[in-house]
Amino acid sequence: MPHLNELDGTDARILLALIHDPRQTVVAMAAQLGLSRNTVQARMASLEKRKAFLPFDHRINASTLGYPLSAFISVHVQQQKLGALATSLAAIPEVVEAHGLSGRADLLVRVVSTGAEDLFRINGKILACDGVERTETSLSMQELVPFRMTPLLERDLKK
């Protein structure tokens, strides 16, 4: 069964080719996949329209920007202030992503920092946001499974 707005095998092959070499030209990819240049361009445009591509900043390593420490902050909030809180969190540059959760905490916020003192400052900024009741911070000690889509694409191609 196709996923992601009805991805088919050709779409999956194009995405895998991009994962393997994201800087390759459309002509090179078409030759590698045995497709016409126009087919690859049309499929790429369709994938982009369907929001299959994440923003490029997902590929940038925060350590190379001077932020070697990564942490996950569980945030407990006043539910009626959640909408405004999302805007407040987005205004903090070190907040690289935030997810609403079910369970004990309401939000899981991933932050990057220059070190422990900087992390303390960032946590204080989050605590100062209207609607935040409390936070719990966990340092990321090591990334064990980096963000990936290849196994899903490969599995779907085998079906």
N, C-alpha and C. Protein backbone atom coordinates (compact mmCIF):
# COMPACT_ATOMS: atom_id res chain seq x y z
N MET A 1 0.84 -1.18 0.00
CA MET A 1 0.00 0.00 0.00
C MET A 1 0.88 1.24 0.00
N PRO A 2 0.69 2.18 -0.91
CA PRO A 2 1.52 3.38 -0.96
C PRO A 2 1.33 4.25 0.28
N HIS A 3 2.38 4.98 0.59
CA HIS A 3 2.38 5.89 1.73
C HIS A 3 2.64 7.30 1.23
N LEU A 4 2.65 8.26 2.14
CA LEU A 4 2.98 9.66 1.86
C LEU A 4 2.27 10.17 0.63
N ASN A 5 0.97 10.30 0.75
CA ASN A 5 0.18 10.83 -0.36
C ASN A 5 0.37 10.02 -1.62
N GLU A 6 0.36 8.70 -1.48
CA GLU A 6 0.42 7.79 -2.63
C GLU A 6 1.77 7.79 -3.35
N LEU A 7 2.84 7.64 -2.61
CA LEU A 7 4.16 7.44 -3.23
C LEU A 7 4.15 6.14 -4.00
N ASP A 8 4.74 6.13 -5.17
CA ASP A 8 4.88 4.87 -5.89
C ASP A 8 6.36 4.50 -5.97
N GLY A 9 6.65 3.41 -6.64
CA GLY A 9 8.02 2.91 -6.72
C GLY A 9 8.98 3.90 -7.37
N THR A 10 8.52 4.60 -8.39
CA THR A 10 9.39 5.59 -9.05
C THR A 10 9.72 6.73 -8.10
N ASP A 11 8.72 7.20 -7.36
CA ASP A 11 8.97 8.24 -6.36
C ASP A 11 9.99 7.76 -5.32
N ALA A 12 9.80 6.55 -4.84
CA ALA A 12 10.71 5.99 -3.83
C ALA A 12 12.13 5.87 -4.39
N ARG A 13 12.26 5.45 -5.63
CA ARG A 13 13.60 5.33 -6.24
C ARG A 13 14.26 6.70 -6.37
N ILE A 14 13.48 7.71 -6.72
CA ILE A 14 14.03 9.07 -6.81
C ILE A 14 14.48 9.55 -5.44
N LEU A 15 13.67 9.33 -4.42
CA LEU A 15 14.04 9.74 -3.07
C LEU A 15 15.30 9.02 -2.59
N LEU A 16 15.40 7.73 -2.86
CA LEU A 16 16.61 6.99 -2.49
C LEU A 16 17.83 7.52 -3.22
N ALA A 17 17.68 7.86 -4.49
CA ALA A 17 18.80 8.42 -5.26
C ALA A 17 19.23 9.76 -4.65
N LEU A 18 18.27 10.55 -4.20
CA LEU A 18 18.61 11.83 -3.57
C LEU A 18 19.29 11.63 -2.22
N ILE A 19 18.87 10.62 -1.48
CA ILE A 19 19.53 10.32 -0.21
C ILE A 19 20.98 9.92 -0.47
N HIS A 20 21.18 9.10 -1.49
CA HIS A 20 22.53 8.63 -1.83
C HIS A 20 23.43 9.78 -2.29
N ASP A 21 22.90 10.67 -3.13
CA ASP A 21 23.69 11.79 -3.65
C ASP A 21 22.78 13.00 -3.86
N PRO A 22 22.59 13.81 -2.81
CA PRO A 22 21.64 14.91 -2.91
C PRO A 22 22.05 16.02 -3.87
N ARG A 23 23.32 16.04 -4.28
CA ARG A 23 23.79 17.11 -5.16
C ARG A 23 23.84 16.71 -6.62
N GLN A 24 23.41 15.52 -6.93
CA GLN A 24 23.46 15.09 -8.32
C GLN A 24 22.47 15.87 -9.17
N THR A 25 22.80 15.98 -10.44
CA THR A 25 21.91 16.70 -11.36
C THR A 25 20.72 15.82 -11.72
N VAL A 26 19.68 16.46 -12.22
CA VAL A 26 18.50 15.72 -12.68
C VAL A 26 18.89 14.80 -13.83
N VAL A 27 19.76 15.26 -14.69
CA VAL A 27 20.20 14.45 -15.83
C VAL A 27 20.92 13.20 -15.34
N ALA A 28 21.82 13.35 -14.37
CA ALA A 28 22.56 12.21 -13.82
C ALA A 28 21.61 11.23 -13.14
N MET A 29 20.65 11.76 -12.38
CA MET A 29 19.70 10.90 -11.70
C MET A 29 18.84 10.14 -12.71
N ALA A 30 18.41 10.82 -13.75
CA ALA A 30 17.59 10.18 -14.78
C ALA A 30 18.35 9.03 -15.42
N ALA A 31 19.62 9.26 -15.73
CA ALA A 31 20.44 8.20 -16.33
C ALA A 31 20.61 7.03 -15.37
N GLN A 32 20.87 7.33 -14.11
CA GLN A 32 21.07 6.28 -13.10
C GLN A 32 19.81 5.44 -12.93
N LEU A 33 18.65 6.07 -12.97
CA LEU A 33 17.39 5.37 -12.72
C LEU A 33 16.74 4.82 -13.99
N GLY A 34 17.30 5.15 -15.14
CA GLY A 34 16.71 4.68 -16.39
C GLY A 34 15.40 5.39 -16.72
N LEU A 35 15.30 6.66 -16.35
CA LEU A 35 14.11 7.46 -16.60
C LEU A 35 14.49 8.66 -17.46
N SER A 36 13.49 9.29 -18.05
CA SER A 36 13.77 10.50 -18.82
C SER A 36 13.96 11.68 -17.86
N ARG A 37 14.69 12.68 -18.32
CA ARG A 37 14.92 13.88 -17.52
C ARG A 37 13.59 14.53 -17.17
N ASN A 38 12.67 14.58 -18.14
CA ASN A 38 11.36 15.20 -17.90
C ASN A 38 10.57 14.45 -16.83
N THR A 39 10.66 13.12 -16.83
CA THR A 39 9.97 12.33 -15.81
C THR A 39 10.51 12.65 -14.43
N VAL A 40 11.84 12.68 -14.31
CA VAL A 40 12.45 12.98 -13.01
C VAL A 40 12.07 14.39 -12.56
N GLN A 41 12.13 15.36 -13.45
CA GLN A 41 11.77 16.74 -13.08
C GLN A 41 10.31 16.83 -12.64
N ALA A 42 9.42 16.18 -13.38
CA ALA A 42 7.99 16.21 -13.03
C ALA A 42 7.75 15.53 -11.69
N ARG A 43 8.41 14.40 -11.46
CA ARG A 43 8.25 13.69 -10.18
C ARG A 43 8.80 14.51 -9.04
N MET A 44 9.95 15.16 -9.24
CA MET A 44 10.54 16.00 -8.19
C MET A 44 9.59 17.16 -7.85
N ALA A 45 9.00 17.77 -8.88
CA ALA A 45 8.05 18.86 -8.64
C ALA A 45 6.83 18.36 -7.88
N SER A 46 6.35 17.19 -8.23
CA SER A 46 5.20 16.60 -7.54
C SER A 46 5.54 16.28 -6.09
N LEU A 47 6.73 15.70 -5.85
CA LEU A 47 7.16 15.41 -4.48
C LEU A 47 7.26 16.69 -3.65
N GLU A 48 7.79 17.74 -4.27
CA GLU A 48 7.91 19.01 -3.56
C GLU A 48 6.53 19.58 -3.23
N LYS A 49 5.62 19.50 -4.18
CA LYS A 49 4.25 20.01 -3.97
C LYS A 49 3.56 19.24 -2.84
N ARG A 50 3.85 17.94 -2.73
CA ARG A 50 3.25 17.11 -1.69
C ARG A 50 4.00 17.18 -0.37
N LYS A 51 4.98 18.09 -0.31
CA LYS A 51 5.77 18.33 0.91
C LYS A 51 6.56 17.11 1.37
N ALA A 52 7.08 16.35 0.39
CA ALA A 52 7.90 15.18 0.72
C ALA A 52 9.29 15.59 1.21
N PHE A 53 9.71 16.81 0.88
CA PHE A 53 11.05 17.27 1.25
C PHE A 53 10.99 18.16 2.47
N LEU A 54 11.84 17.87 3.44
CA LEU A 54 11.98 18.72 4.61
C LEU A 54 12.88 19.90 4.25
N PRO A 55 12.81 20.98 5.02
CA PRO A 55 13.70 22.10 4.76
C PRO A 55 15.17 21.68 4.87
N PHE A 56 16.02 22.36 4.13
CA PHE A 56 17.44 22.00 4.09
C PHE A 56 18.10 22.08 5.46
N ASP A 57 17.62 22.95 6.33
CA ASP A 57 18.29 23.10 7.63
C ASP A 57 18.24 21.83 8.48
N HIS A 58 17.41 20.86 8.12
CA HIS A 58 17.42 19.56 8.81
C HIS A 58 18.74 18.82 8.59
N ARG A 59 19.49 19.20 7.56
CA ARG A 59 20.74 18.52 7.23
C ARG A 59 21.97 19.19 7.84
N ILE A 60 21.78 20.30 8.54
CA ILE A 60 22.92 21.04 9.08
C ILE A 60 23.18 20.59 10.51
N ASN A 61 24.43 20.24 10.79
CA ASN A 61 24.84 19.77 12.11
C ASN A 61 25.06 20.97 13.03
N ALA A 62 24.31 21.04 14.13
CA ALA A 62 24.40 22.17 15.06
C ALA A 62 25.80 22.31 15.65
N SER A 63 26.53 21.22 15.79
CA SER A 63 27.90 21.29 16.33
C SER A 63 28.81 22.16 15.48
N THR A 64 28.63 22.08 14.17
CA THR A 64 29.48 22.89 13.29
C THR A 64 29.15 24.38 13.39
N LEU A 65 27.99 24.70 13.95
CA LEU A 65 27.61 26.10 14.15
C LEU A 65 28.02 26.60 15.54
N GLY A 66 28.67 25.73 16.32
CA GLY A 66 29.11 26.11 17.66
C GLY A 66 28.16 25.72 18.77
N TYR A 67 27.24 24.79 18.48
CA TYR A 67 26.27 24.31 19.48
C TYR A 67 26.43 22.80 19.67
N PRO A 68 27.47 22.38 20.39
CA PRO A 68 27.74 20.94 20.51
C PRO A 68 26.84 20.19 21.48
N LEU A 69 26.16 20.90 22.37
CA LEU A 69 25.33 20.24 23.38
C LEU A 69 23.87 20.26 22.94
N SER A 70 23.26 19.08 22.91
CA SER A 70 21.86 18.95 22.54
C SER A 70 21.11 18.39 23.74
N ALA A 71 19.89 18.90 23.94
CA ALA A 71 19.09 18.43 25.07
C ALA A 71 17.63 18.36 24.67
N PHE A 72 16.89 17.56 25.41
CA PHE A 72 15.45 17.43 25.22
C PHE A 72 14.80 17.95 26.50
N ILE A 73 13.90 18.90 26.33
CA ILE A 73 13.23 19.49 27.48
C ILE A 73 11.76 19.13 27.43
N SER A 74 11.32 18.39 28.44
CA SER A 74 9.89 18.07 28.58
C SER A 74 9.24 19.26 29.24
N VAL A 75 8.17 19.77 28.62
CA VAL A 75 7.52 20.98 29.11
C VAL A 75 6.09 20.66 29.50
N HIS A 76 5.72 21.08 30.69
CA HIS A 76 4.35 20.94 31.19
C HIS A 76 3.71 22.33 31.09
N VAL A 77 2.55 22.40 30.43
CA VAL A 77 1.96 23.70 30.10
C VAL A 77 0.51 23.80 30.54
N GLN A 78 0.03 25.03 30.59
CA GLN A 78 -1.39 25.31 30.74
C GLN A 78 -2.00 25.16 29.35
N GLN A 79 -2.87 24.20 29.18
CA GLN A 79 -3.37 23.83 27.85
C GLN A 79 -3.97 25.01 27.09
N GLN A 80 -4.68 25.89 27.75
CA GLN A 80 -5.33 26.99 27.05
C GLN A 80 -4.34 27.99 26.47
N LYS A 81 -3.06 27.91 26.86
CA LYS A 81 -2.04 28.84 26.36
C LYS A 81 -1.10 28.17 25.36
N LEU A 82 -1.44 26.98 24.91
CA LEU A 82 -0.56 26.21 24.03
C LEU A 82 -0.26 26.92 22.72
N GLY A 83 -1.26 27.52 22.09
CA GLY A 83 -1.05 28.20 20.80
C GLY A 83 -0.05 29.33 20.89
N ALA A 84 -0.22 30.19 21.89
CA ALA A 84 0.71 31.31 22.08
C ALA A 84 2.09 30.81 22.49
N LEU A 85 2.12 29.72 23.22
CA LEU A 85 3.39 29.16 23.67
C LEU A 85 4.24 28.69 22.48
N ALA A 86 3.60 28.11 21.48
CA ALA A 86 4.33 27.67 20.29
C ALA A 86 5.04 28.85 19.63
N THR A 87 4.38 29.99 19.58
CA THR A 87 4.99 31.20 19.01
C THR A 87 6.16 31.66 19.87
N SER A 88 6.00 31.62 21.19
CA SER A 88 7.08 32.03 22.09
C SER A 88 8.30 31.12 21.96
N LEU A 89 8.05 29.81 21.86
CA LEU A 89 9.17 28.87 21.71
C LEU A 89 9.89 29.08 20.38
N ALA A 90 9.13 29.34 19.33
CA ALA A 90 9.74 29.56 18.01
C ALA A 90 10.62 30.81 17.99
N ALA A 91 10.40 31.72 18.93
CA ALA A 91 11.20 32.94 19.01
C ALA A 91 12.55 32.72 19.69
N ILE A 92 12.76 31.54 20.26
CA ILE A 92 14.04 31.20 20.90
C ILE A 92 14.89 30.47 19.87
N PRO A 93 15.98 31.08 19.37
CA PRO A 93 16.75 30.48 18.28
C PRO A 93 17.29 29.08 18.58
N GLU A 94 17.61 28.79 19.82
CA GLU A 94 18.19 27.49 20.17
C GLU A 94 17.16 26.37 20.21
N VAL A 95 15.89 26.71 20.15
CA VAL A 95 14.84 25.69 20.05
C VAL A 95 14.81 25.24 18.60
N VAL A 96 15.27 24.02 18.34
CA VAL A 96 15.36 23.54 16.95
C VAL A 96 14.14 22.74 16.53
N GLU A 97 13.36 22.25 17.50
CA GLU A 97 12.08 21.61 17.18
C GLU A 97 11.30 21.42 18.47
N ALA A 98 9.99 21.33 18.30
CA ALA A 98 9.11 21.08 19.46
C ALA A 98 7.93 20.26 18.98
N HIS A 99 7.54 19.31 19.80
CA HIS A 99 6.44 18.40 19.46
C HIS A 99 5.44 18.38 20.61
N GLY A 100 4.15 18.41 20.26
CA GLY A 100 3.10 18.17 21.24
C GLY A 100 3.04 16.69 21.53
N LEU A 101 2.82 16.33 22.78
CA LEU A 101 2.84 14.94 23.19
C LEU A 101 1.55 14.53 23.88
N SER A 102 1.31 13.23 23.87
CA SER A 102 0.34 12.66 24.79
C SER A 102 1.19 12.06 25.91
N GLY A 103 0.64 11.93 27.07
CA GLY A 103 1.42 11.36 28.17
C GLY A 103 1.67 12.38 29.26
N ARG A 104 2.73 12.18 30.02
CA ARG A 104 3.01 13.00 31.19
C ARG A 104 3.32 14.45 30.85
N ALA A 105 4.21 14.67 29.89
CA ALA A 105 4.56 16.03 29.49
C ALA A 105 3.68 16.44 28.31
N ASP A 106 3.56 17.75 28.13
CA ASP A 106 2.73 18.26 27.04
C ASP A 106 3.54 18.51 25.77
N LEU A 107 4.79 18.91 25.94
CA LEU A 107 5.67 19.20 24.81
C LEU A 107 7.03 18.56 25.02
N LEU A 108 7.66 18.19 23.93
CA LEU A 108 9.05 17.77 23.95
C LEU A 108 9.79 18.74 23.05
N VAL A 109 10.70 19.49 23.65
CA VAL A 109 11.42 20.54 22.94
C VAL A 109 12.88 20.14 22.82
N ARG A 110 13.38 20.14 21.61
CA ARG A 110 14.80 19.85 21.39
C ARG A 110 15.53 21.17 21.25
N VAL A 111 16.57 21.34 22.05
CA VAL A 111 17.36 22.56 22.02
C VAL A 111 18.82 22.22 21.79
N VAL A 112 19.57 23.18 21.29
CA VAL A 112 21.01 23.06 21.16
C VAL A 112 21.63 24.22 21.93
N SER A 113 22.84 23.98 22.45
CA SER A 113 23.48 25.03 23.25
C SER A 113 24.99 24.92 23.13
N THR A 114 25.66 25.98 23.58
CA THR A 114 27.12 26.01 23.54
C THR A 114 27.73 25.27 24.72
N GLY A 115 26.95 25.00 25.76
CA GLY A 115 27.44 24.31 26.93
C GLY A 115 26.41 24.33 28.04
N ALA A 116 26.80 23.88 29.21
CA ALA A 116 25.87 23.75 30.34
C ALA A 116 25.29 25.10 30.77
N GLU A 117 26.13 26.13 30.86
CA GLU A 117 25.63 27.44 31.27
C GLU A 117 24.63 27.98 30.25
N ASP A 118 24.92 27.78 28.98
CA ASP A 118 24.03 28.23 27.93
C ASP A 118 22.71 27.46 27.99
N LEU A 119 22.78 26.17 28.26
CA LEU A 119 21.57 25.36 28.39
C LEU A 119 20.71 25.87 29.55
N PHE A 120 21.36 26.25 30.66
CA PHE A 120 20.64 26.81 31.81
C PHE A 120 19.90 28.08 31.40
N ARG A 121 20.57 28.94 30.61
CA ARG A 121 19.96 30.18 30.12
C ARG A 121 18.75 29.89 29.23
N ILE A 122 18.90 28.92 28.32
CA ILE A 122 17.82 28.56 27.39
C ILE A 122 16.63 27.99 28.16
N ASN A 123 16.91 27.13 29.13
CA ASN A 123 15.83 26.57 29.95
C ASN A 123 15.09 27.68 30.68
N GLY A 124 15.82 28.68 31.14
CA GLY A 124 15.19 29.83 31.80
C GLY A 124 14.28 30.60 30.85
N LYS A 125 14.70 30.73 29.60
CA LYS A 125 13.85 31.40 28.61
C LYS A 125 12.56 30.63 28.38
N ILE A 126 12.67 29.31 28.34
CA ILE A 126 11.48 28.47 28.16
C ILE A 126 10.57 28.59 29.37
N LEU A 127 11.15 28.52 30.56
CA LEU A 127 10.36 28.66 31.79
C LEU A 127 9.67 30.02 31.88
N ALA A 128 10.27 31.05 31.28
CA ALA A 128 9.69 32.39 31.33
C ALA A 128 8.53 32.58 30.35
N CYS A 129 8.33 31.63 29.46
CA CYS A 129 7.23 31.73 28.49
C CYS A 129 5.89 31.59 29.20
N ASP A 130 4.96 32.45 28.84
CA ASP A 130 3.62 32.41 29.44
C ASP A 130 2.96 31.07 29.14
N GLY A 131 2.51 30.40 30.19
CA GLY A 131 1.84 29.12 30.03
C GLY A 131 2.68 27.93 30.45
N VAL A 132 3.99 28.12 30.63
CA VAL A 132 4.86 27.02 31.05
C VAL A 132 4.77 26.87 32.56
N GLU A 133 4.45 25.67 33.00
CA GLU A 133 4.37 25.40 34.44
C GLU A 133 5.69 24.89 34.99
N ARG A 134 6.31 23.94 34.27
CA ARG A 134 7.62 23.41 34.69
C ARG A 134 8.27 22.68 33.53
N THR A 135 9.56 22.43 33.69
CA THR A 135 10.32 21.71 32.66
C THR A 135 11.17 20.63 33.30
N GLU A 136 11.55 19.66 32.50
CA GLU A 136 12.51 18.63 32.90
C GLU A 136 13.48 18.49 31.74
N THR A 137 14.77 18.61 32.01
CA THR A 137 15.78 18.61 30.96
C THR A 137 16.59 17.32 30.98
N SER A 138 16.77 16.74 29.80
CA SER A 138 17.61 15.55 29.64
C SER A 138 18.65 15.85 28.57
N LEU A 139 19.92 15.65 28.91
CA LEU A 139 20.98 15.85 27.93
C LEU A 139 21.02 14.70 26.95
N SER A 140 21.29 15.01 25.71
CA SER A 140 21.51 13.97 24.72
C SER A 140 22.97 13.54 24.84
N MET A 141 23.18 12.32 25.25
CA MET A 141 24.54 11.83 25.45
C MET A 141 25.17 11.35 24.15
N GLN A 142 24.35 10.73 23.30
CA GLN A 142 24.85 10.21 22.03
C GLN A 142 23.65 9.90 21.14
N GLU A 143 23.76 10.27 19.87
CA GLU A 143 22.72 9.92 18.92
C GLU A 143 22.94 8.48 18.47
N LEU A 144 22.03 7.60 18.84
CA LEU A 144 22.20 6.18 18.54
C LEU A 144 21.64 5.79 17.18
N VAL A 145 20.52 6.37 16.79
CA VAL A 145 19.94 6.13 15.47
C VAL A 145 19.65 7.51 14.88
N PRO A 146 20.46 7.96 13.94
CA PRO A 146 20.21 9.28 13.35
C PRO A 146 18.93 9.28 12.52
N PHE A 147 18.38 10.46 12.31
CA PHE A 147 17.18 10.60 11.51
C PHE A 147 17.42 9.91 10.16
N ARG A 148 16.43 9.12 9.73
CA ARG A 148 16.59 8.37 8.49
C ARG A 148 15.24 8.03 7.89
N MET A 149 15.22 7.87 6.60
CA MET A 149 14.03 7.44 5.87
C MET A 149 14.34 6.26 4.95
N THR A 150 15.61 6.00 4.72
CA THR A 150 16.04 4.95 3.80
C THR A 150 15.39 3.60 4.07
N PRO A 151 15.37 3.10 5.33
CA PRO A 151 14.75 1.79 5.56
C PRO A 151 13.28 1.72 5.16
N LEU A 152 12.54 2.81 5.37
CA LEU A 152 11.13 2.82 4.99
C LEU A 152 10.96 2.79 3.48
N LEU A 153 11.78 3.58 2.78
CA LEU A 153 11.71 3.61 1.32
C LEU A 153 12.08 2.25 0.73
N GLU A 154 13.16 1.66 1.27
CA GLU A 154 13.61 0.35 0.77
C GLU A 154 12.57 -0.71 1.04
N ARG A 155 11.96 -0.69 2.21
CA ARG A 155 10.93 -1.67 2.54
C ARG A 155 9.74 -1.53 1.59
N ASP A 156 9.32 -0.29 1.32
CA ASP A 156 8.18 -0.07 0.45
C ASP A 156 8.47 -0.50 -0.98
N LEU A 157 9.72 -0.40 -1.41
CA LEU A 157 10.07 -0.85 -2.76
C LEU A 157 9.99 -2.37 -2.90
N LYS A 158 10.21 -3.08 -1.80
CA LYS A 158 10.18 -4.55 -1.83
C LYS A 158 8.75 -5.11 -1.86
N LYS A 159 7.77 -4.27 -1.53
CA LYS A 159 6.38 -4.75 -1.50
C LYS A 159 5.82 -4.89 -2.88
